[in-house]
C-alpha atoms as a PDB file:
ATOM      1  CA  UNK A   1     -16.441  17.929  10.242  1.00  0.00           C
ATOM      2  CA  UNK A   2     -14.908  19.248   7.044  1.00  0.00           C
ATOM      3  CA  UNK A   3     -11.270  20.104   7.582  1.00  0.00           C
ATOM      4  CA  UNK A   4      -9.888  23.367   6.271  1.00  0.00           C
ATOM      5  CA  UNK A   5      -6.306  24.488   6.457  1.00  0.00           C
ATOM      6  CA  UNK A   6      -5.959  28.244   6.911  1.00  0.00           C
ATOM      7  CA  UNK A   7      -2.643  27.678   8.651  1.00  0.00           C
ATOM      8  CA  UNK A   8      -0.243  24.853   9.303  1.00  0.00           C
ATOM      9  CA  UNK A   9      -0.979  24.985  13.020  1.00  0.00           C
ATOM     10  CA  UNK A  10      -4.697  24.392  12.426  1.00  0.00           C
ATOM     11  CA  UNK A  11      -3.926  21.596   9.986  1.00  0.00           C
ATOM     12  CA  UNK A  12      -1.569  19.853  12.387  1.00  0.00           C
ATOM     13  CA  UNK A  13      -4.091  20.000  15.214  1.00  0.00           C
ATOM     14  CA  UNK A  14      -6.866  18.663  13.005  1.00  0.00           C
ATOM     15  CA  UNK A  15      -4.776  15.773  11.723  1.00  0.00           C
ATOM     16  CA  UNK A  16      -3.705  14.909  15.268  1.00  0.00           C
ATOM     17  CA  UNK A  17      -7.360  14.808  16.326  1.00  0.00           C
ATOM     18  CA  UNK A  18      -8.204  12.490  13.446  1.00  0.00           C
ATOM     19  CA  UNK A  19      -5.429  10.068  14.374  1.00  0.00           C
ATOM     20  CA  UNK A  20      -6.628   9.941  17.982  1.00  0.00           C
ATOM     21  CA  UNK A  21     -10.228   9.332  16.976  1.00  0.00           C
ATOM     22  CA  UNK A  22      -9.341   6.712  14.387  1.00  0.00           C
ATOM     23  CA  UNK A  23     -11.129   8.430  11.507  1.00  0.00           C
ATOM     24  CA  UNK A  24     -10.513   6.677   8.131  1.00  0.00           C
ATOM     25  CA  UNK A  25      -7.355   7.892   6.440  1.00  0.00           C
ATOM     26  CA  UNK A  26      -9.118   9.434   3.443  1.00  0.00           C
ATOM     27  CA  UNK A  27     -10.513  12.108   5.748  1.00  0.00           C
ATOM     28  CA  UNK A  28      -6.990  13.449   6.258  1.00  0.00           C
ATOM     29  CA  UNK A  29      -6.196  16.298   3.903  1.00  0.00           C
ATOM     30  CA  UNK A  30      -2.721  17.261   2.752  1.00  0.00           C
ATOM     31  CA  UNK A  31      -1.477  20.741   3.682  1.00  0.00           C
ATOM     32  CA  UNK A  32      -1.617  23.357   0.945  1.00  0.00           C
ATOM     33  CA  UNK A  33       1.164  22.870  -1.563  1.00  0.00           C
ATOM     34  CA  UNK A  34       1.670  19.164  -0.822  1.00  0.00           C
ATOM     35  CA  UNK A  35       1.068  16.239  -3.167  1.00  0.00           C
ATOM     36  CA  UNK A  36      -2.296  15.692  -4.853  1.00  0.00           C
ATOM     37  CA  UNK A  37      -4.427  13.063  -3.147  1.00  0.00           C
ATOM     38  CA  UNK A  38      -5.300   9.698  -4.699  1.00  0.00           C
ATOM     39  CA  UNK A  39      -8.178   8.016  -2.881  1.00  0.00           C
ATOM     40  CA  UNK A  40      -8.655   4.278  -3.302  1.00  0.00           C
ATOM     41  CA  UNK A  41     -11.835   2.741  -1.958  1.00  0.00           C
ATOM     42  CA  UNK A  42     -10.088  -0.394  -0.632  1.00  0.00           C
ATOM     43  CA  UNK A  43      -6.836  -0.692   1.286  1.00  0.00           C
ATOM     44  CA  UNK A  44      -5.853  -3.341  -1.280  1.00  0.00           C
ATOM     45  CA  UNK A  45      -6.164  -0.882  -4.170  1.00  0.00           C
ATOM     46  CA  UNK A  46      -4.487   1.838  -2.118  1.00  0.00           C
ATOM     47  CA  UNK A  47      -1.430  -0.396  -1.752  1.00  0.00           C
ATOM     48  CA  UNK A  48      -1.388  -1.355  -5.437  1.00  0.00           C
ATOM     49  CA  UNK A  49      -1.863   2.287  -6.486  1.00  0.00           C
ATOM     50  CA  UNK A  50       0.963   3.314  -4.183  1.00  0.00           C
ATOM     51  CA  UNK A  51       3.239   0.764  -5.851  1.00  0.00           C
ATOM     52  CA  UNK A  52       2.361   2.056  -9.326  1.00  0.00           C
ATOM     53  CA  UNK A  53       2.994   5.577  -8.006  1.00  0.00           C
ATOM     54  CA  UNK A  54       6.543   4.569  -7.084  1.00  0.00           C
ATOM     55  CA  UNK A  55       7.890   8.122  -7.436  1.00  0.00           C
ATOM     56  CA  UNK A  56       5.384   9.276  -4.778  1.00  0.00           C
ATOM     57  CA  UNK A  57       3.665  11.880  -6.921  1.00  0.00           C
ATOM     58  CA  UNK A  58       0.415  11.273  -5.021  1.00  0.00           C
ATOM     59  CA  UNK A  59      -0.583  11.139  -1.381  1.00  0.00           C
ATOM     60  CA  UNK A  60      -2.318   7.744  -1.574  1.00  0.00           C
ATOM     61  CA  UNK A  61      -5.103   7.136   0.933  1.00  0.00           C
ATOM     62  CA  UNK A  62      -7.727   4.451   1.545  1.00  0.00           C
ATOM     63  CA  UNK A  63     -11.350   5.505   1.954  1.00  0.00           C
ATOM     64  CA  UNK A  64     -12.425   2.306   3.704  1.00  0.00           C
ATOM     65  CA  UNK A  65     -10.107   1.746   6.668  1.00  0.00           C
ATOM     66  CA  UNK A  66      -8.103  -1.435   7.111  1.00  0.00           C
ATOM     67  CA  UNK A  67     -10.483  -4.076   8.416  1.00  0.00           C
ATOM     68  CA  UNK A  68     -13.526  -2.379   6.886  1.00  0.00           C
ATOM     69  CA  UNK A  69     -16.019  -4.295   4.741  1.00  0.00           C
ATOM     70  CA  UNK A  70     -16.343  -2.818   1.256  1.00  0.00           C
ATOM     71  CA  UNK A  71     -19.700  -4.524   0.741  1.00  0.00           C
ATOM     72  CA  UNK A  72     -21.376  -2.714   3.622  1.00  0.00           C
ATOM     73  CA  UNK A  73     -19.300   0.460   4.081  1.00  0.00           C
ATOM     74  CA  UNK A  74     -21.497   3.571   4.002  1.00  0.00           C
ATOM     75  CA  UNK A  75     -19.790   6.883   3.125  1.00  0.00           C
ATOM     76  CA  UNK A  76     -19.878   9.839   5.481  1.00  0.00           C
ATOM     77  CA  UNK A  77     -20.017  13.511   4.558  1.00  0.00           C
ATOM     78  CA  UNK A  78     -16.285  13.651   5.235  1.00  0.00           C
ATOM     79  CA  UNK A  79     -15.766  10.772   2.794  1.00  0.00           C
ATOM     80  CA  UNK A  80     -17.683  12.637   0.109  1.00  0.00           C
ATOM     81  CA  UNK A  81     -15.494  15.687   0.682  1.00  0.00           C
ATOM     82  CA  UNK A  82     -12.370  13.521   0.393  1.00  0.00           C
ATOM     83  CA  UNK A  83     -13.595  12.048  -2.903  1.00  0.00           C
ATOM     84  CA  UNK A  84     -14.501  15.470  -4.291  1.00  0.00           C
ATOM     85  CA  UNK A  85     -11.059  16.838  -3.406  1.00  0.00           C
ATOM     86  CA  UNK A  86      -9.124  13.888  -4.852  1.00  0.00           C
ATOM     87  CA  UNK A  87      -7.038  14.125  -8.008  1.00  0.00           C
ATOM     88  CA  UNK A  88      -8.043  10.518  -8.752  1.00  0.00           C
ATOM     89  CA  UNK A  89     -10.338   7.905  -7.220  1.00  0.00           C
ATOM     90  CA  UNK A  90      -9.472   4.224  -7.694  1.00  0.00           C
ATOM     91  CA  UNK A  91     -12.424   1.914  -7.092  1.00  0.00           C
ATOM     92  CA  UNK A  92     -12.841  -1.816  -7.539  1.00  0.00           C
ATOM     93  CA  UNK A  93     -16.225  -1.745  -9.259  1.00  0.00           C
ATOM     94  CA  UNK A  94     -18.212  -4.832 -10.315  1.00  0.00           C
ATOM     95  CA  UNK A  95     -20.663  -3.989  -7.549  1.00  0.00           C
ATOM     96  CA  UNK A  96     -18.223  -4.580  -4.690  1.00  0.00           C
ATOM     97  CA  UNK A  97     -18.683  -1.158  -3.060  1.00  0.00           C
ATOM     98  CA  UNK A  98     -22.446  -1.599  -2.831  1.00  0.00           C
ATOM     99  CA  UNK A  99     -23.135   1.375  -0.561  1.00  0.00           C
ATOM    100  CA  UNK A 100     -20.661   3.645  -2.355  1.00  0.00           C
ATOM    101  CA  UNK A 101     -22.088   3.165  -5.846  1.00  0.00           C
ATOM    102  CA  UNK A 102     -24.267   6.285  -5.966  1.00  0.00           C
ATOM    103  CA  UNK A 103     -21.594   8.429  -4.308  1.00  0.00           C
ATOM    104  CA  UNK A 104     -18.942   7.336  -6.792  1.00  0.00           C
ATOM    105  CA  UNK A 105     -21.296   8.055  -9.696  1.00  0.00           C
ATOM    106  CA  UNK A 106     -22.045  11.501  -8.294  1.00  0.00           C
ATOM    107  CA  UNK A 107     -18.367  12.279  -7.701  1.00  0.00           C
ATOM    108  CA  UNK A 108     -17.565  11.281 -11.284  1.00  0.00           C
ATOM    109  CA  UNK A 109     -20.446  13.402 -12.592  1.00  0.00           C
ATOM    110  CA  UNK A 110     -19.016  16.366 -10.656  1.00  0.00           C
ATOM    111  CA  UNK A 111     -15.675  16.022 -12.435  1.00  0.00           C
ATOM    112  CA  UNK A 112     -13.440  13.899 -10.203  1.00  0.00           C
ATOM    113  CA  UNK A 113     -11.719  11.171 -12.270  1.00  0.00           C
ATOM    114  CA  UNK A 114     -12.861   7.719 -11.115  1.00  0.00           C
ATOM    115  CA  UNK A 115     -11.397   4.468 -12.446  1.00  0.00           C
ATOM    116  CA  UNK A 116     -13.118   1.161 -11.672  1.00  0.00           C
ATOM    117  CA  UNK A 117     -10.489  -1.537 -12.011  1.00  0.00           C
ATOM    118  CA  UNK A 118     -12.971  -4.327 -12.762  1.00  0.00           C
ATOM    119  CA  UNK A 119     -13.741  -2.557 -16.031  1.00  0.00           C
ATOM    120  CA  UNK A 120     -10.149  -3.159 -17.165  1.00  0.00           C
ATOM    121  CA  UNK A 121      -9.706  -6.869 -16.423  1.00  0.00           C
ATOM    122  CA  UNK A 122     -11.320 -10.093 -17.575  1.00  0.00           C
ATOM    123  CA  UNK A 123     -13.970 -10.836 -14.963  1.00  0.00           C
ATOM    124  CA  UNK A 124     -15.813 -14.115 -14.571  1.00  0.00           C
ATOM    125  CA  UNK A 125     -19.388 -14.845 -13.513  1.00  0.00           C
ATOM    126  CA  UNK A 126     -20.236 -16.089 -10.065  1.00  0.00           C
ATOM    127  CA  UNK A 127     -20.584 -19.851  -9.810  1.00  0.00           C
ATOM    128  CA  UNK A 128     -24.189 -20.974  -9.647  1.00  0.00           C
ATOM    129  CA  UNK A 129     -25.701 -17.580 -10.290  1.00  0.00           C
ATOM    130  CA  UNK A 130     -28.366 -17.792  -7.591  1.00  0.00           C
ATOM    131  CA  UNK A 131     -27.468 -14.507  -5.934  1.00  0.00           C
ATOM    132  CA  UNK A 132     -26.778 -12.765  -9.195  1.00  0.00           C
ATOM    133  CA  UNK A 133     -30.256 -13.185 -10.606  1.00  0.00           C
ATOM    134  CA  UNK A 134     -32.235 -12.275  -7.477  1.00  0.00           C
ATOM    135  CA  UNK A 135     -34.619  -9.381  -7.846  1.00  0.00           C
ATOM    136  CA  UNK A 136     -35.275  -6.527  -5.445  1.00  0.00           C
ATOM    137  CA  UNK A 137     -38.481  -8.266  -4.336  1.00  0.00           C
ATOM    138  CA  UNK A 138     -36.557 -11.332  -3.159  1.00  0.00           C
ATOM    139  CA  UNK A 139     -34.333  -9.396  -0.770  1.00  0.00           C
ATOM    140  CA  UNK A 140     -36.763  -6.919   0.735  1.00  0.00           C
ATOM    141  CA  UNK A 141     -36.895  -3.146   0.773  1.00  0.00           C
ATOM    142  CA  UNK A 142     -34.033  -2.652   3.238  1.00  0.00           C
ATOM    143  CA  UNK A 143     -31.367  -3.997   0.887  1.00  0.00           C
ATOM    144  CA  UNK A 144     -33.138  -3.592  -2.441  1.00  0.00           C
ATOM    145  CA  UNK A 145     -30.771  -0.912  -3.698  1.00  0.00           C
ATOM    146  CA  UNK A 146     -27.789  -2.826  -2.312  1.00  0.00           C
ATOM    147  CA  UNK A 147     -28.913  -5.855  -4.253  1.00  0.00           C
ATOM    148  CA  UNK A 148     -29.223  -3.866  -7.436  1.00  0.00           C
ATOM    149  CA  UNK A 149     -25.525  -3.024  -7.219  1.00  0.00           C
ATOM    150  CA  UNK A 150     -24.367  -6.229  -5.555  1.00  0.00           C
ATOM    151  CA  UNK A 151     -22.929  -7.655  -8.776  1.00  0.00           C
ATOM    152  CA  UNK A 152     -21.921  -6.225 -12.091  1.00  0.00           C
ATOM    153  CA  UNK A 153     -23.896  -8.349 -14.528  1.00  0.00           C
ATOM    154  CA  UNK A 154     -23.302 -11.329 -12.251  1.00  0.00           C
ATOM    155  CA  UNK A 155     -19.501 -11.030 -12.255  1.00  0.00           C
ATOM    156  CA  UNK A 156     -17.359 -11.865  -9.238  1.00  0.00           C
ATOM    157  CA  UNK A 157     -15.879  -8.577  -7.951  1.00  0.00           C
ATOM    158  CA  UNK A 158     -12.950 -10.092  -5.995  1.00  0.00           C
ATOM    159  CA  UNK A 159     -10.524  -9.656  -8.886  1.00  0.00           C
ATOM    160  CA  UNK A 160      -7.421  -9.107  -6.734  1.00  0.00           C
ATOM    161  CA  UNK A 161      -7.335 -12.797  -5.800  1.00  0.00           C
ATOM    162  CA  UNK A 162      -5.679 -13.489  -9.148  1.00  0.00           C
ATOM    163  CA  UNK A 163      -2.418 -11.517  -9.423  1.00  0.00           C
ATOM    164  CA  UNK A 164      -2.484 -11.910 -13.204  1.00  0.00           C
ATOM    165  CA  UNK A 165      -5.709  -9.892 -13.284  1.00  0.00           C
ATOM    166  CA  UNK A 166      -3.991  -7.111 -11.374  1.00  0.00           C
ATOM    167  CA  UNK A 167      -1.254  -7.239 -14.012  1.00  0.00           C
ATOM    168  CA  UNK A 168      -3.924  -7.015 -16.713  1.00  0.00           C
ATOM    169  CA  UNK A 169      -5.301  -3.842 -15.156  1.00  0.00           C
ATOM    170  CA  UNK A 170      -1.985  -2.093 -14.465  1.00  0.00           C
ATOM    171  CA  UNK A 171      -1.738  -0.260 -17.838  1.00  0.00           C
ATOM    172  CA  UNK A 172      -5.148   1.335 -17.279  1.00  0.00           C
ATOM    173  CA  UNK A 173      -4.232   2.271 -13.711  1.00  0.00           C
ATOM    174  CA  UNK A 174      -0.941   3.765 -14.892  1.00  0.00           C
ATOM    175  CA  UNK A 175      -2.727   5.760 -17.593  1.00  0.00           C
ATOM    176  CA  UNK A 176      -5.176   7.097 -14.996  1.00  0.00           C
ATOM    177  CA  UNK A 177      -2.288   8.238 -12.796  1.00  0.00           C
ATOM    178  CA  UNK A 178      -0.651   9.979 -15.750  1.00  0.00           C
ATOM    179  CA  UNK A 179      -3.922  11.707 -16.667  1.00  0.00           C
ATOM    180  CA  UNK A 180      -4.107  12.909 -13.039  1.00  0.00           C
ATOM    181  CA  UNK A 181      -0.635  14.458 -13.246  1.00  0.00           C
ATOM    182  CA  UNK A 182       1.968  11.726 -12.768  1.00  0.00           C
ATOM    183  CA  UNK A 183       5.036  11.617 -15.017  1.00  0.00           C
ATOM    184  CA  UNK A 184       4.405   9.309 -17.975  1.00  0.00           C
ATOM    185  CA  UNK A 185       7.912   7.861 -18.274  1.00  0.00           C
ATOM    186  CA  UNK A 186       8.339   7.264 -14.546  1.00  0.00           C
ATOM    187  CA  UNK A 187       4.886   5.712 -14.306  1.00  0.00           C
ATOM    188  CA  UNK A 188       5.632   3.351 -17.187  1.00  0.00           C
ATOM    189  CA  UNK A 189       8.750   2.216 -15.330  1.00  0.00           C
ATOM    190  CA  UNK A 190       6.693   1.731 -12.171  1.00  0.00           C
ATOM    191  CA  UNK A 191       4.105  -0.344 -14.028  1.00  0.00           C
ATOM    192  CA  UNK A 192       6.876  -2.554 -15.413  1.00  0.00           C
ATOM    193  CA  UNK A 193       8.370  -3.051 -11.945  1.00  0.00           C
ATOM    194  CA  UNK A 194       5.023  -3.873 -10.335  1.00  0.00           C
ATOM    195  CA  UNK A 195       4.238  -6.273 -13.182  1.00  0.00           C
ATOM    196  CA  UNK A 196       7.484  -8.149 -12.569  1.00  0.00           C
ATOM    197  CA  UNK A 197       6.816  -8.255  -8.824  1.00  0.00           C
ATOM    198  CA  UNK A 198       3.319  -9.653  -9.342  1.00  0.00           C
ATOM    199  CA  UNK A 199       4.627 -12.284 -11.747  1.00  0.00           C
ATOM    200  CA  UNK A 200       7.012 -13.378  -8.994  1.00  0.00           C
ATOM    201  CA  UNK A 201       4.140 -13.378  -6.504  1.00  0.00           C
ATOM    202  CA  UNK A 202       2.026 -15.568  -8.796  1.00  0.00           C
ATOM    203  CA  UNK A 203       4.871 -18.073  -9.125  1.00  0.00           C
ATOM    204  CA  UNK A 204       5.512 -18.077  -5.375  1.00  0.00           C
ATOM    205  CA  UNK A 205       1.840 -18.729  -4.588  1.00  0.00           C
ATOM    206  CA  UNK A 206       1.826 -21.653  -7.020  1.00  0.00           C
ATOM    207  CA  UNK A 207       4.917 -23.060  -5.311  1.00  0.00           C
ATOM    208  CA  UNK A 208       3.398 -22.683  -1.834  1.00  0.00           C
ATOM    209  CA  UNK A 209       0.212 -24.463  -2.923  1.00  0.00           C
ATOM    210  CA  UNK A 210       2.037 -27.259  -4.742  1.00  0.00           C
ATOM    211  CA  UNK A 211       2.082 -29.273  -1.489  1.00  0.00           C
ATOM    212  CA  UNK A 212      -1.716 -29.675  -1.635  1.00  0.00           C
ATOM    213  CA  UNK A 213      -2.622 -32.892  -3.493  1.00  0.00           C
ATOM    214  CA  UNK A 214      -5.156 -32.617  -6.294  1.00  0.00           C
ATOM    215  CA  UNK A 215      -7.803 -34.587  -4.384  1.00  0.00           C
ATOM    216  CA  UNK A 216      -7.560 -32.186  -1.433  1.00  0.00           C
ATOM    217  CA  UNK A 217      -8.002 -28.929  -3.353  1.00  0.00           C
ATOM    218  CA  UNK A 218     -11.458 -28.178  -1.974  1.00  0.00           C
ATOM    219  CA  UNK A 219     -12.262 -24.760  -0.526  1.00  0.00           C
ATOM    220  CA  UNK A 220     -15.122 -23.984   1.832  1.00  0.00           C
ATOM    221  CA  UNK A 221     -15.344 -20.266   2.575  1.00  0.00           C
ATOM    222  CA  UNK A 222     -17.361 -17.854   4.671  1.00  0.00           C
ATOM    223  CA  UNK A 223     -18.550 -15.976   1.565  1.00  0.00           C
ATOM    224  CA  UNK A 224     -17.808 -16.350  -2.125  1.00  0.00           C
ATOM    225  CA  UNK A 225     -14.539 -14.427  -2.242  1.00  0.00           C
ATOM    226  CA  UNK A 226     -12.047 -16.982  -3.550  1.00  0.00           C
ATOM    227  CA  UNK A 227     -13.420 -17.778  -7.002  1.00  0.00           C
ATOM    228  CA  UNK A 228     -10.547 -16.145  -8.883  1.00  0.00           C
ATOM    229  CA  UNK A 229      -8.000 -17.687  -6.519  1.00  0.00           C
ATOM    230  CA  UNK A 230      -9.525 -21.137  -7.056  1.00  0.00           C
ATOM    231  CA  UNK A 231      -9.623 -20.678 -10.814  1.00  0.00           C
ATOM    232  CA  UNK A 232      -6.014 -19.504 -10.995  1.00  0.00           C
ATOM    233  CA  UNK A 233      -4.493 -22.138  -8.707  1.00  0.00           C
ATOM    234  CA  UNK A 234      -6.645 -25.170  -9.605  1.00  0.00           C
ATOM    235  CA  UNK A 235      -8.928 -25.460  -6.588  1.00  0.00           C
ATOM    236  CA  UNK A 236     -12.650 -26.181  -6.402  1.00  0.00           C
ATOM    237  CA  UNK A 237     -14.940 -24.044  -4.251  1.00  0.00           C
ATOM    238  CA  UNK A 238     -17.113 -26.677  -2.610  1.00  0.00           C
ATOM    239  CA  UNK A 239     -19.398 -24.092  -1.018  1.00  0.00           C
ATOM    240  CA  UNK A 240     -19.735 -21.028   1.187  1.00  0.00           C
ATOM    241  CA  UNK A 241     -21.477 -20.302   4.473  1.00  0.00           C
ATOM    242  CA  UNK A 242     -22.849 -17.175   2.796  1.00  0.00           C
ATOM    243  CA  UNK A 243     -23.567 -18.271  -0.801  1.00  0.00           C
ATOM    244  CA  UNK A 244     -22.923 -14.851  -2.299  1.00  0.00           C
ATOM    245  CA  UNK A 245     -20.047 -12.611  -3.359  1.00  0.00           C
ATOM    246  CA  UNK A 246     -21.526 -10.051  -0.954  1.00  0.00           C
ATOM    247  CA  UNK A 247     -21.498 -10.090   2.839  1.00  0.00           C
ATOM    248  CA  UNK A 248     -24.916  -8.387   2.940  1.00  0.00           C
ATOM    249  CA  UNK A 249     -26.799 -11.697   3.026  1.00  0.00           C
ATOM    250  CA  UNK A 250     -27.471 -14.148   5.837  1.00  0.00           C
ATOM    251  CA  UNK A 251     -26.871 -17.868   5.996  1.00  0.00           C
ATOM    252  CA  UNK A 252     -29.983 -20.037   5.813  1.00  0.00           C
ATOM    253  CA  UNK A 253     -30.322 -23.194   7.949  1.00  0.00           C
ATOM    254  CA  UNK A 254     -31.198 -25.291   4.906  1.00  0.00           C
ATOM    255  CA  UNK A 255     -28.126 -24.118   2.985  1.00  0.00           C
ATOM    256  CA  UNK A 256     -25.901 -24.703   6.014  1.00  0.00           C
ATOM    257  CA  UNK A 257     -27.215 -28.261   6.324  1.00  0.00           C
ATOM    258  CA  UNK A 258     -26.522 -28.841   2.639  1.00  0.00           C
ATOM    259  CA  UNK A 259     -23.021 -27.442   3.016  1.00  0.00           C
ATOM    260  CA  UNK A 260     -22.402 -29.604   6.080  1.00  0.00           C
ATOM    261  CA  UNK A 261     -23.362 -32.700   4.099  1.00  0.00           C
ATOM    262  CA  UNK A 262     -20.935 -31.719   1.321  1.00  0.00           C
ATOM    263  CA  UNK A 263     -18.098 -31.109   3.792  1.00  0.00           C
ATOM    264  CA  UNK A 264     -18.617 -34.512   5.370  1.00  0.00           C
ATOM    265  CA  UNK A 265     -18.939 -36.270   2.015  1.00  0.00           C
ATOM    266  CA  UNK A 266     -15.679 -34.763   0.747  1.00  0.00           C
ATOM    267  CA  UNK A 267     -13.874 -35.033   4.099  1.00  0.00           C
ATOM    268  CA  UNK A 268     -12.870 -31.365   3.948  1.00  0.00           C
ATOM    269  CA  UNK A 269     -10.601 -30.481   6.910  1.00  0.00           C
ATOM    270  CA  UNK A 270     -11.102 -26.698   7.085  1.00  0.00           C
ATOM    271  CA  UNK A 271     -13.509 -23.833   6.582  1.00  0.00           C
ATOM    272  CA  UNK A 272     -11.848 -20.584   5.547  1.00  0.00           C
ATOM    273  CA  UNK A 273     -13.340 -17.535   7.257  1.00  0.00           C
ATOM    274  CA  UNK A 274     -12.365 -13.877   6.970  1.00  0.00           C
ATOM    275  CA  UNK A 275     -10.630 -11.595   9.397  1.00  0.00           C
ATOM    276  CA  UNK A 276     -13.069  -8.750   8.723  1.00  0.00           C
ATOM    277  CA  UNK A 277     -16.329 -10.711   8.963  1.00  0.00           C
ATOM    278  CA  UNK A 278     -18.363 -12.133  11.808  1.00  0.00           C
ATOM    279  CA  UNK A 279     -17.707 -15.867  11.675  1.00  0.00           C
ATOM    280  CA  UNK A 280     -20.300 -17.212  14.119  1.00  0.00           C
ATOM    281  CA  UNK A 281     -21.984 -19.426  11.529  1.00  0.00           C
ATOM    282  CA  UNK A 282     -18.659 -20.701  10.195  1.00  0.00           C
ATOM    283  CA  UNK A 283     -17.385 -21.383  13.722  1.00  0.00           C
ATOM    284  CA  UNK A 284     -20.594 -23.182  14.685  1.00  0.00           C
ATOM    285  CA  UNK A 285     -20.425 -25.288  11.539  1.00  0.00           C
ATOM    286  CA  UNK A 286     -16.761 -26.095  12.162  1.00  0.00           C
ATOM    287  CA  UNK A 287     -17.464 -27.140  15.753  1.00  0.00           C
ATOM    288  CA  UNK A 288     -20.400 -29.258  14.618  1.00  0.00           C
ATOM    289  CA  UNK A 289     -18.313 -31.125  12.035  1.00  0.00           C
ATOM    290  CA  UNK A 290     -14.999 -31.186  13.873  1.00  0.00           C
ATOM    291  CA  UNK A 291     -13.138 -29.206  11.196  1.00  0.00           C
ATOM    292  CA  UNK A 292     -10.822 -26.243  11.637  1.00  0.00           C
ATOM    293  CA  UNK A 293     -11.940 -22.686  10.949  1.00  0.00           C
ATOM    294  CA  UNK A 294      -8.953 -20.875   9.419  1.00  0.00           C
ATOM    295  CA  UNK A 295      -8.742 -17.092   9.129  1.00  0.00           C
ATOM    296  CA  UNK A 296      -7.874 -15.483   5.791  1.00  0.00           C
ATOM    297  CA  UNK A 297      -7.590 -11.852   4.705  1.00  0.00           C
ATOM    298  CA  UNK A 298      -9.982 -11.245   1.827  1.00  0.00           C
ATOM    299  CA  UNK A 299     -11.533  -7.809   1.266  1.00  0.00           C
ATOM    300  CA  UNK A 300      -9.031  -5.784   3.273  1.00  0.00           C
ATOM    301  CA  UNK A 301      -5.362  -5.755   4.167  1.00  0.00           C
ATOM    302  CA  UNK A 302      -4.433  -6.628   7.740  1.00  0.00           C
ATOM    303  CA  UNK A 303      -3.593  -4.377  10.636  1.00  0.00           C
ATOM    304  CA  UNK A 304       0.031  -3.626  11.491  1.00  0.00           C
ATOM    305  CA  UNK A 305       1.689  -6.779  12.789  1.00  0.00           C
ATOM    306  CA  UNK A 306      -0.798  -9.117  11.098  1.00  0.00           C
ATOM    307  CA  UNK A 307       1.589 -10.286   8.382  1.00  0.00           C
ATOM    308  CA  UNK A 308      -0.905  -9.100   5.757  1.00  0.00           C
ATOM    309  CA  UNK A 309      -0.135  -5.381   5.684  1.00  0.00           C
ATOM    310  CA  UNK A 310       0.463  -5.202   1.924  1.00  0.00           C
ATOM    311  CA  UNK A 311      -1.207  -6.857  -1.057  1.00  0.00           C
ATOM    312  CA  UNK A 312       1.768  -9.184  -1.579  1.00  0.00           C
ATOM    313  CA  UNK A 313       1.891 -10.048   2.124  1.00  0.00           C
ATOM    314  CA  UNK A 314      -1.858 -10.689   2.196  1.00  0.00           C
ATOM    315  CA  UNK A 315      -1.743 -13.067  -0.767  1.00  0.00           C
ATOM    316  CA  UNK A 316       1.221 -14.972   0.670  1.00  0.00           C
ATOM    317  CA  UNK A 317      -0.449 -15.148   4.101  1.00  0.00           C
ATOM    318  CA  UNK A 318      -3.593 -16.640   2.572  1.00  0.00           C
ATOM    319  CA  UNK A 319      -1.693 -19.072   0.353  1.00  0.00           C
ATOM    320  CA  UNK A 320       0.324 -20.347   3.315  1.00  0.00           C
ATOM    321  CA  UNK A 321      -2.792 -20.662   5.475  1.00  0.00           C
ATOM    322  CA  UNK A 322      -4.600 -22.649   2.780  1.00  0.00           C
ATOM    323  CA  UNK A 323      -1.600 -24.899   2.127  1.00  0.00           C
ATOM    324  CA  UNK A 324      -1.106 -25.592   5.839  1.00  0.00           C
ATOM    325  CA  UNK A 325      -4.788 -26.378   6.411  1.00  0.00           C
ATOM    326  CA  UNK A 326      -5.245 -28.678   3.422  1.00  0.00           C
ATOM    327  CA  UNK A 327      -1.888 -30.362   2.797  1.00  0.00           C
ATOM    328  CA  UNK A 328      -1.623 -32.115   6.152  1.00  0.00           C
ATOM    329  CA  UNK A 329      -4.935 -33.933   6.099  1.00  0.00           C
END
């Protein structure tokens, strides 16, 4: 249902109904005369955008709700209306929002400014490249289009797992906010503040992880989400239950057996799964090998009370979880 606001009473009732039904936040429209809306595809980018918009020029909203999977999220008609009405759309890009790709292109063609943050940072290719080079024929008709947009020229889309990459993209994000109506001087100050905060975050993560000896810096994940984290903080990704940067694939028995052999050979104590993903295969593998399955927040912030409600909190939560799981072996 497209919301219209002919009066404040109608608007209030509509917003109340949305809250009760749990409709994603981007479906909520501001009353007439309120701040312009900035829609970020991910809750992670909504939080970062909100920090850069530190003078609250925009009403910042997340299209994909907290706990939603960006790889598989399919937009509704209401989502398309929210994107069309936005003053600015902040997307991740690099193929992360597989089901949103065509919608974002169409919204941009219709005149809504869209910035894809992966276009403004130094991305790196996926390790191995097996998923990146698959053709539509290898994945079947059902996910052929998804596969075509699964990766951006084989690059890992999970750029937020390196805070220095966020810093690299902040000038472009600030410029996009200014072009959408934010004050240039205030935004520059906000970018400087966020940059300093992320530099502190990067240093704190390094300190947290310093307790993990070099010979224990092996990561086994549910899907290939931690490549940038591993590269930044000197870990090796031994393997993943889903050997892809996307969650739209399924684990194969042969690959799971191969991963199990690698875990046993390296005496890895933990498999890192994700709060937003089904972890049956990871749990089964952990039970089979007698290793812990540890929950991380990867493609979404956490719910209220999770300890991962902001980008900074999420990164610190994950760093502490990894350090605790690996340092005590």
